[in-house]
Each structure stands twice: as structure tokens, then as C-alpha cells.
Amino acid sequence: MIGETMDERQDAGEKSQIMIADWAWQVLCCPLTGSQLRWVTEAELQRLSQRQQRGELRDRLGRAVKEPIEGGVVSDGGRFFYPLVDGILSLIEAEAIEM
């Protein structure tokens, strides 16, 4: 199959399944750093959820992240997280969350 599901790209099996073609991984990059992206790991998701429960999870504009985190991608080096929003990958700089 062309592309990989979230389950195939990350450590933990997520409920959300989206496909990203292999060629797209070659061109997708972090809008802030230009680095490659990878699926968030289960451990990273847990840390983000804990921060969210404490009210500490904010995007780059300082807005509290209130929607449940269903998955997403992380910039290479693990600096920024980009969430899946309603099953759609959001690579909007303002919605990035510093890890």
C-alpha cells in the first residue's frame, strides 16, 4: 500500500488512522524549524495529556489547548508538536505546541 497509517509510523497504536503517502514524508517538514516530522510516541502523548490536565498545555499564541489530543506529529528533535484536529493533521505554526 502506498503510505503508512499512524499505527505503522509510531510506537503506540492510536485510534485515529490517517494515511500519509511515502513521498509526502519526504516533503513534509516542521513549519517552524524546517526539520522532518515523525508521529508522536505514546510516551510523548501521555506527557502532553498530563500537561493538559494540569492546564499547562498551550499553543504558540498562548491559548490553552482544551480539545482532546488524538495524535499528531513531532518535529525532528522533539521540539514542536502538531496535533491532529478532527482527524486532519494541522501544520499551522500558531497551533504548534512546544514539547
N, C-alpha and C. Protein backbone atom coordinates (compact mmCIF):
# COMPACT_ATOMS: atom_id res chain seq x y z
N MET A 1 0.84 -1.18 0.00
CA MET A 1 0.00 0.00 0.00
C MET A 1 0.89 1.24 0.00
N ILE A 2 0.49 2.24 -0.72
CA ILE A 2 1.25 3.49 -0.75
C ILE A 2 0.88 4.27 0.50
N GLY A 3 1.86 4.58 1.31
CA GLY A 3 1.61 5.35 2.52
C GLY A 3 1.58 4.45 3.74
N GLU A 4 1.58 5.09 4.86
CA GLU A 4 1.59 4.37 6.11
C GLU A 4 0.53 4.93 7.03
N THR A 5 -0.05 4.06 7.84
CA THR A 5 -1.00 4.52 8.82
C THR A 5 -0.25 5.00 10.04
N MET A 6 -0.95 5.69 10.91
CA MET A 6 -0.34 6.15 12.14
C MET A 6 0.22 4.97 12.91
N ASP A 7 -0.50 3.84 12.96
CA ASP A 7 -0.04 2.68 13.72
C ASP A 7 1.30 2.18 13.20
N GLU A 8 1.52 2.28 11.90
CA GLU A 8 2.76 1.80 11.31
C GLU A 8 3.93 2.76 11.55
N ARG A 9 3.66 4.03 11.80
CA ARG A 9 4.71 5.02 11.95
C ARG A 9 5.09 5.32 13.39
N GLN A 10 4.29 4.96 14.36
CA GLN A 10 4.62 5.32 15.73
C GLN A 10 4.61 4.10 16.62
N ASP A 11 5.15 4.26 17.81
CA ASP A 11 5.29 3.17 18.75
C ASP A 11 3.94 2.61 19.19
N ALA A 12 3.00 3.48 19.53
CA ALA A 12 1.73 3.05 20.09
C ALA A 12 0.64 3.09 19.04
N GLY A 13 -0.31 2.19 19.16
CA GLY A 13 -1.45 2.18 18.25
C GLY A 13 -2.44 3.25 18.66
N GLU A 14 -2.70 4.16 17.78
CA GLU A 14 -3.66 5.23 18.04
C GLU A 14 -5.01 4.86 17.47
N LYS A 15 -6.05 5.45 18.00
CA LYS A 15 -7.40 5.22 17.49
C LYS A 15 -7.57 5.90 16.14
N SER A 16 -6.99 7.05 15.97
CA SER A 16 -7.12 7.79 14.70
C SER A 16 -6.20 7.16 13.67
N GLN A 17 -6.74 6.95 12.50
CA GLN A 17 -5.96 6.39 11.41
C GLN A 17 -5.98 7.38 10.26
N ILE A 18 -4.84 7.86 9.88
CA ILE A 18 -4.75 8.66 8.67
C ILE A 18 -3.61 8.11 7.84
N MET A 19 -3.69 8.32 6.57
CA MET A 19 -2.66 7.83 5.67
C MET A 19 -1.84 9.01 5.16
N ILE A 20 -0.56 8.81 5.15
CA ILE A 20 0.33 9.78 4.53
C ILE A 20 1.22 8.99 3.57
N ALA A 21 1.17 9.34 2.32
CA ALA A 21 1.95 8.64 1.30
C ALA A 21 3.43 8.76 1.61
N ASP A 22 4.16 7.72 1.25
CA ASP A 22 5.61 7.71 1.50
C ASP A 22 6.29 8.95 0.94
N TRP A 23 5.90 9.37 -0.27
CA TRP A 23 6.53 10.54 -0.88
C TRP A 23 6.26 11.80 -0.07
N ALA A 24 5.10 11.86 0.60
CA ALA A 24 4.75 13.05 1.38
C ALA A 24 5.67 13.21 2.59
N TRP A 25 6.10 12.09 3.19
CA TRP A 25 7.03 12.19 4.32
C TRP A 25 8.34 12.84 3.89
N GLN A 26 8.67 12.72 2.60
CA GLN A 26 9.90 13.32 2.09
C GLN A 26 9.81 14.84 2.02
N VAL A 27 8.59 15.38 1.83
CA VAL A 27 8.44 16.82 1.67
C VAL A 27 7.83 17.53 2.88
N LEU A 28 7.11 16.78 3.73
CA LEU A 28 6.54 17.40 4.93
C LEU A 28 7.64 17.82 5.87
N CYS A 29 7.53 19.02 6.40
CA CYS A 29 8.53 19.47 7.35
C CYS A 29 7.88 20.40 8.38
N CYS A 30 8.56 20.60 9.46
CA CYS A 30 8.09 21.49 10.51
C CYS A 30 8.10 22.92 9.97
N PRO A 31 6.97 23.62 10.04
CA PRO A 31 6.92 24.99 9.54
C PRO A 31 7.84 25.95 10.31
N LEU A 32 8.16 25.60 11.54
CA LEU A 32 8.98 26.50 12.37
C LEU A 32 10.47 26.23 12.26
N THR A 33 10.86 24.96 12.14
CA THR A 33 12.28 24.63 12.13
C THR A 33 12.78 24.11 10.79
N GLY A 34 11.85 23.66 9.94
CA GLY A 34 12.24 23.07 8.67
C GLY A 34 12.69 21.62 8.79
N SER A 35 12.66 21.07 9.99
CA SER A 35 13.10 19.69 10.19
C SER A 35 12.02 18.70 9.79
N GLN A 36 12.41 17.46 9.60
CA GLN A 36 11.45 16.41 9.25
C GLN A 36 10.49 16.17 10.41
N LEU A 37 9.37 15.53 10.09
CA LEU A 37 8.35 15.23 11.09
C LEU A 37 8.27 13.73 11.30
N ARG A 38 7.79 13.34 12.47
CA ARG A 38 7.55 11.93 12.79
C ARG A 38 6.29 11.86 13.64
N TRP A 39 5.67 10.69 13.69
CA TRP A 39 4.49 10.53 14.54
C TRP A 39 4.88 10.64 16.01
N VAL A 40 4.02 11.22 16.81
CA VAL A 40 4.23 11.33 18.25
C VAL A 40 4.19 9.93 18.86
N THR A 41 5.00 9.69 19.88
CA THR A 41 5.00 8.39 20.55
C THR A 41 3.96 8.38 21.66
N GLU A 42 3.64 7.22 22.14
CA GLU A 42 2.68 7.08 23.24
C GLU A 42 3.18 7.81 24.49
N ALA A 43 4.47 7.69 24.79
CA ALA A 43 5.04 8.37 25.96
C ALA A 43 4.90 9.89 25.83
N GLU A 44 5.16 10.42 24.65
CA GLU A 44 5.02 11.86 24.42
C GLU A 44 3.56 12.29 24.56
N LEU A 45 2.65 11.48 24.02
CA LEU A 45 1.22 11.78 24.14
C LEU A 45 0.79 11.82 25.61
N GLN A 46 1.30 10.90 26.40
CA GLN A 46 0.96 10.87 27.82
C GLN A 46 1.45 12.13 28.53
N ARG A 47 2.67 12.56 28.21
CA ARG A 47 3.20 13.79 28.82
C ARG A 47 2.37 15.01 28.41
N LEU A 48 1.98 15.07 27.14
CA LEU A 48 1.14 16.17 26.68
C LEU A 48 -0.21 16.15 27.40
N SER A 49 -0.80 14.98 27.55
CA SER A 49 -2.09 14.86 28.23
C SER A 49 -1.99 15.27 29.70
N GLN A 50 -0.89 14.91 30.34
CA GLN A 50 -0.69 15.31 31.74
C GLN A 50 -0.60 16.83 31.85
N ARG A 51 0.14 17.45 30.96
CA ARG A 51 0.23 18.91 30.96
C ARG A 51 -1.13 19.54 30.70
N GLN A 52 -1.90 18.91 29.81
CA GLN A 52 -3.24 19.42 29.50
C GLN A 52 -4.14 19.33 30.73
N GLN A 53 -4.09 18.23 31.45
CA GLN A 53 -4.90 18.05 32.65
C GLN A 53 -4.56 19.08 33.73
N ARG A 54 -3.30 19.48 33.78
CA ARG A 54 -2.87 20.49 34.76
C ARG A 54 -3.14 21.91 34.26
N GLY A 55 -3.65 22.04 33.04
CA GLY A 55 -3.92 23.36 32.47
C GLY A 55 -2.69 24.07 31.96
N GLU A 56 -1.62 23.32 31.73
CA GLU A 56 -0.34 23.90 31.31
C GLU A 56 -0.08 23.81 29.81
N LEU A 57 -0.94 23.15 29.06
CA LEU A 57 -0.70 22.93 27.65
C LEU A 57 -1.24 24.11 26.84
N ARG A 58 -0.32 24.79 26.16
CA ARG A 58 -0.68 25.99 25.39
C ARG A 58 -0.02 25.94 24.02
N ASP A 59 -0.70 26.56 23.05
CA ASP A 59 -0.10 26.65 21.72
C ASP A 59 0.84 27.84 21.66
N ARG A 60 1.40 28.11 20.49
CA ARG A 60 2.39 29.18 20.38
C ARG A 60 1.82 30.57 20.61
N LEU A 61 0.51 30.72 20.50
CA LEU A 61 -0.12 32.02 20.78
C LEU A 61 -0.51 32.16 22.24
N GLY A 62 -0.21 31.14 23.03
CA GLY A 62 -0.52 31.19 24.46
C GLY A 62 -1.93 30.74 24.81
N ARG A 63 -2.66 30.21 23.83
CA ARG A 63 -4.02 29.75 24.07
C ARG A 63 -3.99 28.35 24.70
N ALA A 64 -4.83 28.15 25.72
CA ALA A 64 -4.92 26.84 26.35
C ALA A 64 -5.47 25.83 25.35
N VAL A 65 -4.86 24.65 25.32
CA VAL A 65 -5.33 23.57 24.45
C VAL A 65 -6.35 22.77 25.26
N LYS A 66 -7.60 22.83 24.83
CA LYS A 66 -8.68 22.19 25.58
C LYS A 66 -9.23 20.94 24.89
N GLU A 67 -9.09 20.89 23.57
CA GLU A 67 -9.60 19.72 22.83
C GLU A 67 -8.73 18.50 23.15
N PRO A 68 -9.35 17.31 23.25
CA PRO A 68 -8.57 16.10 23.49
C PRO A 68 -7.52 15.91 22.39
N ILE A 69 -6.36 15.47 22.77
CA ILE A 69 -5.29 15.23 21.81
C ILE A 69 -5.42 13.80 21.30
N GLU A 70 -5.69 13.67 20.01
CA GLU A 70 -5.90 12.35 19.44
C GLU A 70 -4.67 11.82 18.71
N GLY A 71 -3.64 12.60 18.64
CA GLY A 71 -2.42 12.20 17.95
C GLY A 71 -1.83 13.40 17.25
N GLY A 72 -0.76 13.15 16.51
CA GLY A 72 -0.12 14.23 15.78
C GLY A 72 1.30 13.89 15.43
N VAL A 73 2.03 14.89 15.01
CA VAL A 73 3.43 14.71 14.62
C VAL A 73 4.31 15.63 15.45
N VAL A 74 5.57 15.25 15.52
CA VAL A 74 6.57 15.99 16.28
C VAL A 74 7.71 16.33 15.34
N SER A 75 8.25 17.51 15.49
CA SER A 75 9.41 17.88 14.68
C SER A 75 10.61 17.04 15.10
N ASP A 76 11.49 16.77 14.14
CA ASP A 76 12.68 16.00 14.43
C ASP A 76 13.47 16.73 15.50
N GLY A 77 13.84 16.04 16.53
CA GLY A 77 14.47 16.67 17.67
C GLY A 77 13.47 16.88 18.80
N GLY A 78 12.19 16.70 18.51
CA GLY A 78 11.15 16.73 19.53
C GLY A 78 10.80 18.09 20.10
N ARG A 79 11.02 19.15 19.36
CA ARG A 79 10.76 20.49 19.92
C ARG A 79 9.30 20.91 19.82
N PHE A 80 8.64 20.64 18.67
CA PHE A 80 7.27 21.09 18.46
C PHE A 80 6.35 19.92 18.12
N PHE A 81 5.13 20.01 18.64
CA PHE A 81 4.08 19.03 18.38
C PHE A 81 2.99 19.70 17.55
N TYR A 82 2.54 19.02 16.51
CA TYR A 82 1.44 19.49 15.67
C TYR A 82 0.31 18.48 15.78
N PRO A 83 -0.86 18.91 16.25
CA PRO A 83 -1.94 17.96 16.54
C PRO A 83 -2.76 17.54 15.33
N LEU A 84 -3.41 16.41 15.50
CA LEU A 84 -4.49 16.02 14.60
C LEU A 84 -5.73 16.72 15.12
N VAL A 85 -6.44 17.40 14.26
CA VAL A 85 -7.68 18.09 14.63
C VAL A 85 -8.79 17.48 13.79
N ASP A 86 -9.71 16.79 14.44
CA ASP A 86 -10.78 16.09 13.73
C ASP A 86 -10.22 15.17 12.66
N GLY A 87 -9.11 14.49 12.97
CA GLY A 87 -8.51 13.55 12.04
C GLY A 87 -7.68 14.17 10.94
N ILE A 88 -7.49 15.48 11.00
CA ILE A 88 -6.71 16.19 9.98
C ILE A 88 -5.45 16.76 10.62
N LEU A 89 -4.32 16.49 10.01
CA LEU A 89 -3.05 16.99 10.53
C LEU A 89 -2.98 18.50 10.36
N SER A 90 -2.75 19.21 11.45
CA SER A 90 -2.67 20.67 11.42
C SER A 90 -1.21 21.10 11.54
N LEU A 91 -0.69 21.68 10.48
CA LEU A 91 0.69 22.18 10.49
C LEU A 91 0.71 23.70 10.54
N ILE A 92 -0.23 24.26 11.25
CA ILE A 92 -0.31 25.72 11.41
C ILE A 92 0.63 26.14 12.54
N GLU A 93 1.54 27.06 12.22
CA GLU A 93 2.53 27.49 13.20
C GLU A 93 1.92 27.91 14.52
N ALA A 94 0.82 28.66 14.48
CA ALA A 94 0.19 29.17 15.69
C ALA A 94 -0.36 28.06 16.56
N GLU A 95 -0.67 26.89 15.97
CA GLU A 95 -1.24 25.78 16.74
C GLU A 95 -0.17 24.80 17.22
N ALA A 96 1.09 25.07 16.90
CA ALA A 96 2.17 24.21 17.38
C ALA A 96 2.26 24.31 18.89
N ILE A 97 2.63 23.20 19.50
CA ILE A 97 2.78 23.14 20.95
C ILE A 97 4.23 22.77 21.25
N GLU A 98 4.87 23.59 22.06
CA GLU A 98 6.25 23.29 22.43
C GLU A 98 6.25 22.10 23.36
N MET A 99 7.11 21.14 23.04
CA MET A 99 7.19 19.92 23.83
C MET A 99 7.92 20.21 25.13
